[in-house]
Each structure stands twice: as C-alpha cells, then as structure tokens.
Amino acid sequence: TAMRILGGVISAISEAAAQYNPEPPPPRTHYSNIEANESEEVRQFRRLFAQLAGDDMEVSATELMNILNKVVTRHPDLKTDGFGIDTCRSMVAVMDSDTTGKLGFEEFKYLWNNIKRWQAIYKQFDTDRSGTICSSELPGAFEAADESGNMDFDNFISCLVRLDAMFRAFKSLDKDGTGQIQVNIQEWLQLTMYS
C-alpha cells in the first residue's frame, strides 16, 4: 500500500513537475548589488522583500509562517489550517542554499514563485471548488493525505517543497543524467535530513 501511494504521489507530482525544470536558487546577492537590467516586476518584488524581511534582509521560518498565513487568509477558496512553524522551518531548511538558516532574496523569490505555480496547480485539481484536493480529483495519488483522503493547501505546498528539494538534490548528484546515483551514508543523511 505504501509503495502504491508513493507511486501515485510521484506520478502526480512528476506530471506537474514536467511543466518546469527545478533549478536551485541562484547565489545570494546583497541588496545594494541590484543590477540595472532587472525588470520592474523584480524591482517591485525586491521592495516587497525588503519590507517583509526586515533589517537583516533575510526571511526566518517565523517570518515565512507569518507571511504565508497572511496570504492564505486572503484566499478563502483555499482550505487550510494555516502554515505551522515546523512546516516553515522545513521549507527554509530545504530552500536555504547558503545554509544561513534564513532565506535571502533569491531563495525567497524561488520559493515564492514555486508557491504561486503550485497554488495554480492546486486550484486546477480542486475541480469541485471545495478548497481541498480529494482523492478522486488527483487520481488516488494523495489517498494518505488524511483520514478522508483530502489534502489541504498548506500540506500540499509542504509536500511539493520537499519533493522539489529531493528532485534538485538528485539531479545535482546525477552528473551523467543516467537517472541513478550512488551515495554514501553521509550524503544520504544530508539529502534526507530536511526532505
């Protein structure tokens, strides 16, 4: 049963993931190093990030939780019990490419753009507009989501953040593009610690 569920999850996510090629967030750049060729959209996002991140110009797990919970309250069509601190810590851990324990601008932008993309996918599969994805809407892939076979928005995003990180980690180790990797125990622990 667990293999069937895992297979369903991988199949459903692979179908959604085929629409984009996950790349790790670019290296962090200091706010003062803004390139003149940035689009107006990126400049606006950078200003928003500066307001959200505060003086340290990084988003902590607590700040991420507050941001995401403010955003989801504006979307009554998304059923959620809110993003918890553990979920946000996990998101920060898997997106924190420079291991500062917080998200810099590029890391946050990467996460934010993915959340927007995944929100669209979530709404696409929520065909009955219940605010959840039920097992009949996402062919059996999320049967283990809860007792009734439903997955709410925050759990959906958490699942995709982890899967994205796992795909990126695998691709970084699959240098030859063979679809197979060999890892030692230290690499395995590092790969799976936050996924």
N, C-alpha and C. Protein backbone atom coordinates (compact mmCIF):
# COMPACT_ATOMS: atom_id res chain seq x y z
N THR A 1 0.82 -1.19 0.00
CA THR A 1 0.00 0.00 0.00
C THR A 1 0.86 1.26 0.00
N ALA A 2 1.92 1.25 0.82
CA ALA A 2 2.79 2.43 0.88
C ALA A 2 3.46 2.68 -0.47
N MET A 3 3.88 1.61 -1.15
CA MET A 3 4.52 1.78 -2.46
C MET A 3 3.52 2.31 -3.48
N ARG A 4 2.26 1.86 -3.40
CA ARG A 4 1.24 2.34 -4.31
C ARG A 4 0.98 3.83 -4.10
N ILE A 5 0.91 4.22 -2.83
CA ILE A 5 0.70 5.63 -2.51
C ILE A 5 1.88 6.46 -2.97
N LEU A 6 3.10 6.00 -2.66
CA LEU A 6 4.29 6.72 -3.09
C LEU A 6 4.34 6.81 -4.61
N GLY A 7 4.01 5.72 -5.27
CA GLY A 7 3.98 5.73 -6.74
C GLY A 7 2.98 6.72 -7.27
N GLY A 8 1.82 6.81 -6.62
CA GLY A 8 0.79 7.77 -7.03
C GLY A 8 1.24 9.20 -6.83
N VAL A 9 1.88 9.46 -5.69
CA VAL A 9 2.38 10.80 -5.41
C VAL A 9 3.44 11.18 -6.43
N ILE A 10 4.40 10.29 -6.66
CA ILE A 10 5.47 10.58 -7.62
C ILE A 10 4.89 10.79 -9.01
N SER A 11 3.92 9.97 -9.40
CA SER A 11 3.30 10.11 -10.72
C SER A 11 2.60 11.45 -10.86
N ALA A 12 1.82 11.83 -9.85
CA ALA A 12 1.09 13.10 -9.92
C ALA A 12 2.03 14.29 -9.91
N ILE A 13 3.04 14.24 -9.07
CA ILE A 13 3.99 15.35 -8.98
C ILE A 13 4.85 15.41 -10.24
N SER A 14 5.23 14.26 -10.76
CA SER A 14 6.03 14.24 -11.99
C SER A 14 5.28 14.89 -13.13
N GLU A 15 3.98 14.63 -13.19
CA GLU A 15 3.16 15.25 -14.24
C GLU A 15 3.16 16.77 -14.09
N ALA A 16 3.00 17.25 -12.86
CA ALA A 16 3.03 18.70 -12.62
C ALA A 16 4.44 19.24 -12.82
N ALA A 17 5.44 18.49 -12.39
CA ALA A 17 6.82 18.94 -12.48
C ALA A 17 7.31 18.99 -13.92
N ALA A 18 6.67 18.24 -14.80
CA ALA A 18 7.10 18.25 -16.20
C ALA A 18 6.93 19.62 -16.83
N GLN A 19 6.13 20.47 -16.20
CA GLN A 19 5.89 21.80 -16.73
C GLN A 19 7.06 22.74 -16.46
N TYR A 20 7.96 22.36 -15.58
CA TYR A 20 9.11 23.23 -15.31
C TYR A 20 10.29 22.38 -14.90
N ASN A 21 11.46 22.98 -15.00
CA ASN A 21 12.70 22.29 -14.64
C ASN A 21 13.24 22.95 -13.38
N PRO A 22 13.10 22.30 -12.20
CA PRO A 22 13.54 22.96 -10.97
C PRO A 22 15.05 23.16 -10.96
N GLU A 23 15.44 24.36 -10.72
CA GLU A 23 16.86 24.71 -10.60
C GLU A 23 17.07 25.28 -9.21
N PRO A 24 18.23 25.09 -8.65
CA PRO A 24 18.47 25.67 -7.33
C PRO A 24 18.44 27.19 -7.42
N PRO A 25 18.05 27.83 -6.33
CA PRO A 25 18.05 29.29 -6.35
C PRO A 25 19.45 29.81 -6.63
N PRO A 26 19.54 30.91 -7.37
CA PRO A 26 20.86 31.48 -7.64
C PRO A 26 21.53 31.93 -6.36
N PRO A 27 22.84 32.12 -6.39
CA PRO A 27 23.55 32.57 -5.19
C PRO A 27 23.00 33.91 -4.70
N ARG A 28 23.10 34.10 -3.42
CA ARG A 28 22.59 35.32 -2.78
C ARG A 28 23.39 36.53 -3.25
N THR A 29 22.69 37.63 -3.49
CA THR A 29 23.36 38.89 -3.80
C THR A 29 22.88 39.93 -2.80
N HIS A 30 23.73 40.83 -2.43
CA HIS A 30 23.37 41.86 -1.47
C HIS A 30 22.44 42.85 -2.15
N TYR A 31 21.53 43.42 -1.36
CA TYR A 31 20.53 44.36 -1.87
C TYR A 31 21.17 45.50 -2.65
N SER A 32 22.35 45.94 -2.24
CA SER A 32 23.00 47.06 -2.91
C SER A 32 23.58 46.67 -4.26
N ASN A 33 23.61 45.38 -4.57
CA ASN A 33 24.16 44.91 -5.84
C ASN A 33 23.08 44.70 -6.90
N ILE A 34 21.99 45.43 -6.80
CA ILE A 34 20.90 45.27 -7.75
C ILE A 34 21.40 45.65 -9.14
N GLU A 35 21.15 44.77 -10.07
CA GLU A 35 21.59 45.05 -11.44
C GLU A 35 20.61 45.99 -12.11
N ALA A 36 21.14 46.88 -12.93
CA ALA A 36 20.32 47.87 -13.61
C ALA A 36 19.35 47.23 -14.60
N ASN A 37 19.65 46.02 -15.05
CA ASN A 37 18.80 45.40 -16.06
C ASN A 37 17.66 44.57 -15.46
N GLU A 38 17.41 44.68 -14.16
CA GLU A 38 16.29 43.97 -13.56
C GLU A 38 14.98 44.54 -14.08
N SER A 39 14.01 43.67 -14.27
CA SER A 39 12.70 44.13 -14.73
C SER A 39 12.01 44.89 -13.61
N GLU A 40 11.00 45.63 -13.97
CA GLU A 40 10.23 46.38 -12.98
C GLU A 40 9.56 45.41 -12.00
N GLU A 41 9.12 44.27 -12.51
CA GLU A 41 8.49 43.27 -11.64
C GLU A 41 9.47 42.79 -10.57
N VAL A 42 10.72 42.53 -10.95
CA VAL A 42 11.73 42.08 -9.99
C VAL A 42 12.04 43.19 -9.00
N ARG A 43 12.12 44.42 -9.48
CA ARG A 43 12.37 45.55 -8.56
C ARG A 43 11.24 45.69 -7.54
N GLN A 44 10.00 45.55 -8.00
CA GLN A 44 8.86 45.62 -7.08
C GLN A 44 8.91 44.48 -6.07
N PHE A 45 9.26 43.30 -6.55
CA PHE A 45 9.36 42.15 -5.64
C PHE A 45 10.48 42.37 -4.64
N ARG A 46 11.57 42.96 -5.08
CA ARG A 46 12.70 43.25 -4.19
C ARG A 46 12.27 44.24 -3.10
N ARG A 47 11.48 45.25 -3.47
CA ARG A 47 10.98 46.22 -2.47
C ARG A 47 10.07 45.52 -1.47
N LEU A 48 9.19 44.66 -1.98
CA LEU A 48 8.31 43.90 -1.09
C LEU A 48 9.13 43.01 -0.16
N PHE A 49 10.14 42.35 -0.71
CA PHE A 49 11.00 41.50 0.10
C PHE A 49 11.67 42.31 1.21
N ALA A 50 12.14 43.51 0.90
CA ALA A 50 12.81 44.36 1.89
C ALA A 50 11.85 44.68 3.04
N GLN A 51 10.58 44.89 2.73
CA GLN A 51 9.59 45.16 3.78
C GLN A 51 9.33 43.92 4.62
N LEU A 52 9.22 42.77 3.96
CA LEU A 52 8.91 41.53 4.67
C LEU A 52 10.08 41.01 5.49
N ALA A 53 11.28 41.15 4.95
CA ALA A 53 12.46 40.56 5.58
C ALA A 53 12.97 41.36 6.76
N GLY A 54 12.74 42.63 6.77
CA GLY A 54 13.24 43.44 7.88
C GLY A 54 14.69 43.83 7.70
N ASP A 55 15.30 44.27 8.79
CA ASP A 55 16.65 44.83 8.76
C ASP A 55 17.72 43.84 8.30
N ASP A 56 17.56 42.56 8.62
CA ASP A 56 18.61 41.60 8.25
C ASP A 56 18.52 41.14 6.79
N MET A 57 17.48 41.57 6.09
CA MET A 57 17.27 41.23 4.67
C MET A 57 17.23 39.72 4.43
N GLU A 58 16.71 38.99 5.41
CA GLU A 58 16.50 37.55 5.28
C GLU A 58 15.17 37.21 5.94
N VAL A 59 14.54 36.15 5.46
CA VAL A 59 13.26 35.71 5.99
C VAL A 59 13.49 34.45 6.82
N SER A 60 13.15 34.55 8.10
CA SER A 60 13.27 33.40 9.01
C SER A 60 12.04 32.51 8.88
N ALA A 61 12.05 31.37 9.52
CA ALA A 61 10.90 30.46 9.49
C ALA A 61 9.67 31.14 10.09
N THR A 62 9.85 31.89 11.17
CA THR A 62 8.72 32.58 11.79
C THR A 62 8.17 33.65 10.86
N GLU A 63 9.06 34.41 10.23
CA GLU A 63 8.61 35.43 9.27
C GLU A 63 7.90 34.78 8.09
N LEU A 64 8.42 33.66 7.60
CA LEU A 64 7.79 32.95 6.50
C LEU A 64 6.39 32.48 6.89
N MET A 65 6.27 31.95 8.10
CA MET A 65 4.97 31.49 8.58
C MET A 65 3.97 32.65 8.61
N ASN A 66 4.39 33.80 9.13
CA ASN A 66 3.51 34.96 9.19
C ASN A 66 3.11 35.43 7.79
N ILE A 67 4.07 35.46 6.88
CA ILE A 67 3.80 35.89 5.50
C ILE A 67 2.79 34.95 4.85
N LEU A 68 3.06 33.65 4.90
CA LEU A 68 2.19 32.68 4.23
C LEU A 68 0.79 32.67 4.83
N ASN A 69 0.70 32.79 6.15
CA ASN A 69 -0.62 32.78 6.78
C ASN A 69 -1.41 34.04 6.45
N LYS A 70 -0.73 35.18 6.30
CA LYS A 70 -1.43 36.39 5.86
C LYS A 70 -1.95 36.22 4.44
N VAL A 71 -1.14 35.61 3.60
CA VAL A 71 -1.53 35.42 2.20
C VAL A 71 -2.72 34.47 2.09
N VAL A 72 -2.68 33.34 2.79
CA VAL A 72 -3.76 32.36 2.64
C VAL A 72 -5.08 32.86 3.22
N THR A 73 -5.02 33.77 4.19
CA THR A 73 -6.28 34.31 4.72
C THR A 73 -7.00 35.16 3.67
N ARG A 74 -6.26 35.63 2.68
CA ARG A 74 -6.87 36.40 1.59
C ARG A 74 -7.45 35.51 0.50
N HIS A 75 -7.31 34.21 0.65
CA HIS A 75 -7.80 33.26 -0.34
C HIS A 75 -8.76 32.28 0.32
N PRO A 76 -10.02 32.69 0.49
CA PRO A 76 -10.98 31.79 1.15
C PRO A 76 -11.26 30.52 0.35
N ASP A 77 -10.85 30.50 -0.91
CA ASP A 77 -11.05 29.30 -1.73
C ASP A 77 -10.01 28.22 -1.46
N LEU A 78 -9.02 28.51 -0.60
CA LEU A 78 -8.01 27.53 -0.22
C LEU A 78 -8.27 27.07 1.20
N LYS A 79 -8.62 25.80 1.36
CA LYS A 79 -8.84 25.28 2.70
C LYS A 79 -7.48 24.99 3.34
N THR A 80 -7.26 25.56 4.50
CA THR A 80 -6.00 25.35 5.20
C THR A 80 -6.20 25.64 6.68
N ASP A 81 -5.45 24.93 7.50
CA ASP A 81 -5.44 25.26 8.92
C ASP A 81 -4.25 26.16 9.22
N GLY A 82 -3.64 26.68 8.18
CA GLY A 82 -2.51 27.59 8.34
C GLY A 82 -1.19 26.86 8.27
N PHE A 83 -0.16 27.61 7.97
CA PHE A 83 1.19 27.05 7.92
C PHE A 83 1.77 27.07 9.32
N GLY A 84 2.19 25.92 9.81
CA GLY A 84 2.78 25.82 11.14
C GLY A 84 4.27 26.12 11.10
N ILE A 85 4.83 26.36 12.27
CA ILE A 85 6.25 26.70 12.36
C ILE A 85 7.13 25.54 11.88
N ASP A 86 6.75 24.30 12.17
CA ASP A 86 7.57 23.17 11.72
C ASP A 86 7.59 23.06 10.20
N THR A 87 6.44 23.28 9.57
CA THR A 87 6.38 23.28 8.11
C THR A 87 7.27 24.36 7.54
N CYS A 88 7.22 25.55 8.13
CA CYS A 88 8.02 26.67 7.63
C CYS A 88 9.50 26.46 7.90
N ARG A 89 9.84 25.86 9.02
CA ARG A 89 11.25 25.52 9.27
C ARG A 89 11.76 24.56 8.22
N SER A 90 10.93 23.58 7.88
CA SER A 90 11.31 22.61 6.86
C SER A 90 11.48 23.29 5.51
N MET A 91 10.58 24.19 5.16
CA MET A 91 10.70 24.92 3.89
C MET A 91 11.98 25.73 3.85
N VAL A 92 12.27 26.44 4.93
CA VAL A 92 13.50 27.23 4.98
C VAL A 92 14.71 26.31 4.85
N ALA A 93 14.69 25.19 5.55
CA ALA A 93 15.83 24.27 5.52
C ALA A 93 16.11 23.75 4.12
N VAL A 94 15.06 23.38 3.38
CA VAL A 94 15.30 22.81 2.05
C VAL A 94 15.55 23.87 0.99
N MET A 95 15.18 25.12 1.24
CA MET A 95 15.41 26.19 0.26
C MET A 95 16.66 27.01 0.57
N ASP A 96 17.22 26.83 1.74
CA ASP A 96 18.35 27.64 2.21
C ASP A 96 19.65 27.13 1.59
N SER A 97 19.94 27.56 0.37
CA SER A 97 21.10 27.02 -0.36
C SER A 97 22.43 27.47 0.21
N ASP A 98 22.46 28.56 0.97
CA ASP A 98 23.73 29.02 1.55
C ASP A 98 23.84 28.73 3.04
N THR A 99 22.93 27.94 3.56
CA THR A 99 22.93 27.45 4.95
C THR A 99 23.06 28.53 6.01
N THR A 100 22.34 29.64 5.83
CA THR A 100 22.32 30.69 6.86
C THR A 100 21.20 30.46 7.87
N GLY A 101 20.29 29.55 7.56
CA GLY A 101 19.15 29.32 8.43
C GLY A 101 17.99 30.24 8.11
N LYS A 102 18.15 31.08 7.10
CA LYS A 102 17.11 32.00 6.66
C LYS A 102 17.14 32.07 5.14
N LEU A 103 16.10 32.69 4.57
CA LEU A 103 16.03 32.81 3.12
C LEU A 103 16.42 34.22 2.69
N GLY A 104 17.43 34.30 1.83
CA GLY A 104 17.78 35.57 1.21
C GLY A 104 16.83 35.85 0.06
N PHE A 105 17.06 36.95 -0.63
CA PHE A 105 16.15 37.39 -1.69
C PHE A 105 15.94 36.31 -2.75
N GLU A 106 17.01 35.79 -3.34
CA GLU A 106 16.87 34.81 -4.43
C GLU A 106 16.22 33.52 -3.95
N GLU A 107 16.56 33.09 -2.75
CA GLU A 107 15.96 31.87 -2.20
C GLU A 107 14.46 32.08 -1.96
N PHE A 108 14.11 33.23 -1.40
CA PHE A 108 12.70 33.54 -1.13
C PHE A 108 11.94 33.69 -2.44
N LYS A 109 12.54 34.35 -3.42
CA LYS A 109 11.88 34.54 -4.72
C LYS A 109 11.62 33.18 -5.37
N TYR A 110 12.59 32.28 -5.30
CA TYR A 110 12.43 30.94 -5.86
C TYR A 110 11.26 30.21 -5.18
N LEU A 111 11.23 30.24 -3.85
CA LEU A 111 10.15 29.60 -3.10
C LEU A 111 8.81 30.25 -3.45
N TRP A 112 8.78 31.58 -3.45
CA TRP A 112 7.54 32.32 -3.70
C TRP A 112 6.98 32.00 -5.09
N ASN A 113 7.85 32.00 -6.10
CA ASN A 113 7.39 31.70 -7.46
C ASN A 113 6.86 30.27 -7.55
N ASN A 114 7.51 29.34 -6.86
CA ASN A 114 7.01 27.96 -6.85
C ASN A 114 5.67 27.87 -6.15
N ILE A 115 5.52 28.56 -5.02
CA ILE A 115 4.24 28.52 -4.31
C ILE A 115 3.14 29.07 -5.19
N LYS A 116 3.39 30.14 -5.92
CA LYS A 116 2.38 30.68 -6.83
C LYS A 116 2.03 29.67 -7.91
N ARG A 117 3.03 29.00 -8.47
CA ARG A 117 2.80 27.99 -9.51
C ARG A 117 2.00 26.82 -8.92
N TRP A 118 2.41 26.38 -7.74
CA TRP A 118 1.73 25.24 -7.12
C TRP A 118 0.31 25.60 -6.68
N GLN A 119 0.09 26.84 -6.32
CA GLN A 119 -1.26 27.28 -5.98
C GLN A 119 -2.17 27.13 -7.20
N ALA A 120 -1.67 27.50 -8.36
CA ALA A 120 -2.45 27.35 -9.59
C ALA A 120 -2.75 25.87 -9.86
N ILE A 121 -1.77 25.01 -9.65
CA ILE A 121 -1.97 23.57 -9.84
C ILE A 121 -3.01 23.06 -8.84
N TYR A 122 -2.89 23.50 -7.59
CA TYR A 122 -3.83 23.10 -6.55
C TYR A 122 -5.26 23.46 -6.96
N LYS A 123 -5.44 24.70 -7.41
CA LYS A 123 -6.78 25.15 -7.81
C LYS A 123 -7.26 24.39 -9.04
N GLN A 124 -6.35 24.06 -9.94
CA GLN A 124 -6.70 23.30 -11.14
C GLN A 124 -7.25 21.93 -10.78
N PHE A 125 -6.63 21.25 -9.81
CA PHE A 125 -7.08 19.92 -9.42
C PHE A 125 -8.27 19.95 -8.47
N ASP A 126 -8.53 21.07 -7.85
CA ASP A 126 -9.68 21.21 -6.96
C ASP A 126 -10.92 21.51 -7.81
N THR A 127 -11.32 20.54 -8.60
CA THR A 127 -12.37 20.77 -9.59
C THR A 127 -13.74 21.03 -8.97
N ASP A 128 -14.00 20.51 -7.78
CA ASP A 128 -15.30 20.76 -7.15
C ASP A 128 -15.30 22.03 -6.29
N ARG A 129 -14.17 22.75 -6.28
CA ARG A 129 -14.01 24.02 -5.56
C ARG A 129 -14.31 23.89 -4.07
N SER A 130 -13.91 22.75 -3.50
CA SER A 130 -14.12 22.52 -2.07
C SER A 130 -13.02 23.15 -1.23
N GLY A 131 -11.92 23.55 -1.87
CA GLY A 131 -10.78 24.09 -1.15
C GLY A 131 -9.76 23.04 -0.78
N THR A 132 -10.08 21.78 -1.06
CA THR A 132 -9.14 20.68 -0.84
C THR A 132 -9.04 19.87 -2.13
N ILE A 133 -7.97 19.11 -2.23
CA ILE A 133 -7.84 18.17 -3.33
C ILE A 133 -8.23 16.81 -2.78
N CYS A 134 -9.29 16.24 -3.33
CA CYS A 134 -9.70 14.92 -2.85
C CYS A 134 -9.11 13.85 -3.75
N SER A 135 -9.16 12.63 -3.27
CA SER A 135 -8.50 11.53 -3.98
C SER A 135 -9.08 11.31 -5.37
N SER A 136 -10.36 11.63 -5.58
CA SER A 136 -10.92 11.45 -6.92
C SER A 136 -10.45 12.54 -7.87
N GLU A 137 -10.05 13.69 -7.33
CA GLU A 137 -9.58 14.78 -8.17
C GLU A 137 -8.12 14.62 -8.56
N LEU A 138 -7.37 13.92 -7.79
CA LEU A 138 -5.95 13.71 -8.09
C LEU A 138 -5.70 12.21 -8.03
N PRO A 139 -6.15 11.51 -9.07
CA PRO A 139 -6.28 10.06 -9.15
C PRO A 139 -5.51 9.21 -8.13
N GLY A 140 -6.04 9.16 -6.94
CA GLY A 140 -5.50 8.26 -5.94
C GLY A 140 -4.14 8.62 -5.39
N ALA A 141 -3.53 9.68 -5.90
CA ALA A 141 -2.16 9.99 -5.50
C ALA A 141 -2.04 10.39 -4.04
N PHE A 142 -3.05 11.01 -3.52
CA PHE A 142 -2.95 11.51 -2.16
C PHE A 142 -3.92 10.81 -1.21
N GLU A 143 -4.10 9.51 -1.39
CA GLU A 143 -5.03 8.76 -0.55
C GLU A 143 -4.66 8.82 0.93
N ALA A 144 -3.39 9.01 1.22
CA ALA A 144 -2.96 9.03 2.62
C ALA A 144 -2.91 10.44 3.19
N ALA A 145 -3.45 11.40 2.49
CA ALA A 145 -3.36 12.78 2.94
C ALA A 145 -4.01 12.97 4.31
N ASP A 146 -5.19 12.48 4.49
CA ASP A 146 -5.81 12.44 5.81
C ASP A 146 -6.83 11.31 5.81
N GLU A 147 -7.54 11.16 6.91
CA GLU A 147 -8.46 10.03 7.05
C GLU A 147 -9.49 9.98 5.93
N SER A 148 -9.91 11.13 5.43
CA SER A 148 -10.94 11.16 4.40
C SER A 148 -10.36 11.27 3.00
N GLY A 149 -9.04 11.18 2.86
CA GLY A 149 -8.42 11.23 1.55
C GLY A 149 -8.28 12.63 0.98
N ASN A 150 -8.29 13.64 1.83
CA ASN A 150 -8.17 15.03 1.37
C ASN A 150 -6.84 15.63 1.78
N MET A 151 -6.39 16.60 1.01
CA MET A 151 -5.15 17.31 1.33
C MET A 151 -5.43 18.79 1.24
N ASP A 152 -5.16 19.52 2.33
CA ASP A 152 -5.39 20.96 2.28
C ASP A 152 -4.17 21.66 1.71
N PHE A 153 -4.29 22.98 1.51
CA PHE A 153 -3.29 23.74 0.77
C PHE A 153 -1.92 23.75 1.43
N ASP A 154 -1.84 23.97 2.74
CA ASP A 154 -0.53 24.05 3.38
C ASP A 154 0.21 22.71 3.31
N ASN A 155 -0.51 21.60 3.44
CA ASN A 155 0.14 20.29 3.32
C ASN A 155 0.56 20.01 1.88
N PHE A 156 -0.23 20.46 0.92
CA PHE A 156 0.12 20.32 -0.49
C PHE A 156 1.42 21.07 -0.79
N ILE A 157 1.51 22.32 -0.33
CA ILE A 157 2.71 23.12 -0.57
C ILE A 157 3.92 22.49 0.13
N SER A 158 3.74 22.05 1.36
CA SER A 158 4.83 21.42 2.10
C SER A 158 5.35 20.19 1.36
N CYS A 159 4.44 19.38 0.85
CA CYS A 159 4.81 18.18 0.09
C CYS A 159 5.61 18.56 -1.15
N LEU A 160 5.15 19.57 -1.88
CA LEU A 160 5.83 19.96 -3.12
C LEU A 160 7.18 20.60 -2.85
N VAL A 161 7.30 21.37 -1.78
CA VAL A 161 8.60 21.95 -1.43
C VAL A 161 9.61 20.84 -1.19
N ARG A 162 9.20 19.83 -0.45
CA ARG A 162 10.10 18.72 -0.17
C ARG A 162 10.44 17.92 -1.42
N LEU A 163 9.42 17.65 -2.25
CA LEU A 163 9.69 16.91 -3.48
C LEU A 163 10.60 17.70 -4.41
N ASP A 164 10.39 19.00 -4.50
CA ASP A 164 11.25 19.85 -5.33
C ASP A 164 12.70 19.76 -4.84
N ALA A 165 12.88 19.84 -3.53
CA ALA A 165 14.24 19.74 -2.96
C ALA A 165 14.85 18.37 -3.25
N MET A 166 14.04 17.33 -3.15
CA MET A 166 14.55 15.99 -3.42
C MET A 166 14.95 15.83 -4.89
N PHE A 167 14.12 16.36 -5.81
CA PHE A 167 14.46 16.31 -7.23
C PHE A 167 15.74 17.08 -7.52
N ARG A 168 15.87 18.28 -6.93
CA ARG A 168 17.07 19.10 -7.15
C ARG A 168 18.31 18.39 -6.61
N ALA A 169 18.18 17.79 -5.42
CA ALA A 169 19.32 17.09 -4.82
C ALA A 169 19.72 15.90 -5.70
N PHE A 170 18.73 15.16 -6.17
CA PHE A 170 19.03 14.01 -7.02
C PHE A 170 19.73 14.46 -8.30
N LYS A 171 19.17 15.50 -8.94
CA LYS A 171 19.76 15.99 -10.19
C LYS A 171 21.19 16.48 -9.99
N SER A 172 21.46 17.07 -8.84
CA SER A 172 22.82 17.57 -8.60
C SER A 172 23.82 16.42 -8.46
N LEU A 173 23.36 15.26 -8.02
CA LEU A 173 24.23 14.09 -7.86
C LEU A 173 24.26 13.21 -9.11
N ASP A 174 23.28 13.36 -9.97
CA ASP A 174 23.20 12.56 -11.19
C ASP A 174 23.93 13.31 -12.31
N LYS A 175 25.24 13.39 -12.17
CA LYS A 175 26.09 14.18 -13.08
C LYS A 175 25.98 13.72 -14.53
N ASP A 176 25.83 12.42 -14.75
CA ASP A 176 25.78 11.88 -16.11
C ASP A 176 24.37 11.84 -16.69
N GLY A 177 23.37 12.18 -15.89
CA GLY A 177 22.00 12.16 -16.36
C GLY A 177 21.46 10.76 -16.61
N THR A 178 21.95 9.78 -15.86
CA THR A 178 21.54 8.39 -16.06
C THR A 178 20.26 8.03 -15.32
N GLY A 179 19.85 8.88 -14.38
CA GLY A 179 18.69 8.55 -13.57
C GLY A 179 19.03 7.67 -12.39
N GLN A 180 20.33 7.49 -12.12
CA GLN A 180 20.78 6.69 -10.99
C GLN A 180 21.91 7.43 -10.29
N ILE A 181 21.93 7.28 -8.96
CA ILE A 181 23.02 7.87 -8.18
C ILE A 181 23.51 6.85 -7.17
N GLN A 182 24.72 7.05 -6.72
CA GLN A 182 25.28 6.23 -5.65
C GLN A 182 25.73 7.20 -4.56
N VAL A 183 25.23 6.97 -3.34
CA VAL A 183 25.57 7.87 -2.23
C VAL A 183 26.10 7.07 -1.05
N ASN A 184 26.96 7.72 -0.27
CA ASN A 184 27.40 7.10 0.98
C ASN A 184 26.46 7.55 2.10
N ILE A 185 26.66 7.04 3.29
CA ILE A 185 25.75 7.33 4.41
C ILE A 185 25.71 8.82 4.73
N GLN A 186 26.84 9.51 4.68
CA GLN A 186 26.86 10.94 4.97
C GLN A 186 26.04 11.72 3.94
N GLU A 187 26.21 11.39 2.66
CA GLU A 187 25.44 12.06 1.61
C GLU A 187 23.95 11.76 1.76
N TRP A 188 23.62 10.50 2.08
CA TRP A 188 22.22 10.11 2.26
C TRP A 188 21.59 10.90 3.40
N LEU A 189 22.28 10.99 4.53
CA LEU A 189 21.75 11.74 5.67
C LEU A 189 21.57 13.21 5.32
N GLN A 190 22.54 13.78 4.62
CA GLN A 190 22.44 15.18 4.22
C GLN A 190 21.26 15.39 3.27
N LEU A 191 21.06 14.47 2.34
CA LEU A 191 19.96 14.57 1.39
C LEU A 191 18.59 14.46 2.05
N THR A 192 18.48 13.57 3.02
CA THR A 192 17.17 13.26 3.58
C THR A 192 16.85 13.98 4.87
N MET A 193 17.79 14.68 5.45
CA MET A 193 17.58 15.30 6.76
C MET A 193 16.38 16.25 6.76
N TYR A 194 16.24 17.07 5.75
CA TYR A 194 15.18 18.07 5.75
C TYR A 194 14.11 17.81 4.71
N SER A 195 14.21 16.72 3.97
CA SER A 195 13.20 16.46 2.96
C SER A 195 12.04 15.67 3.51
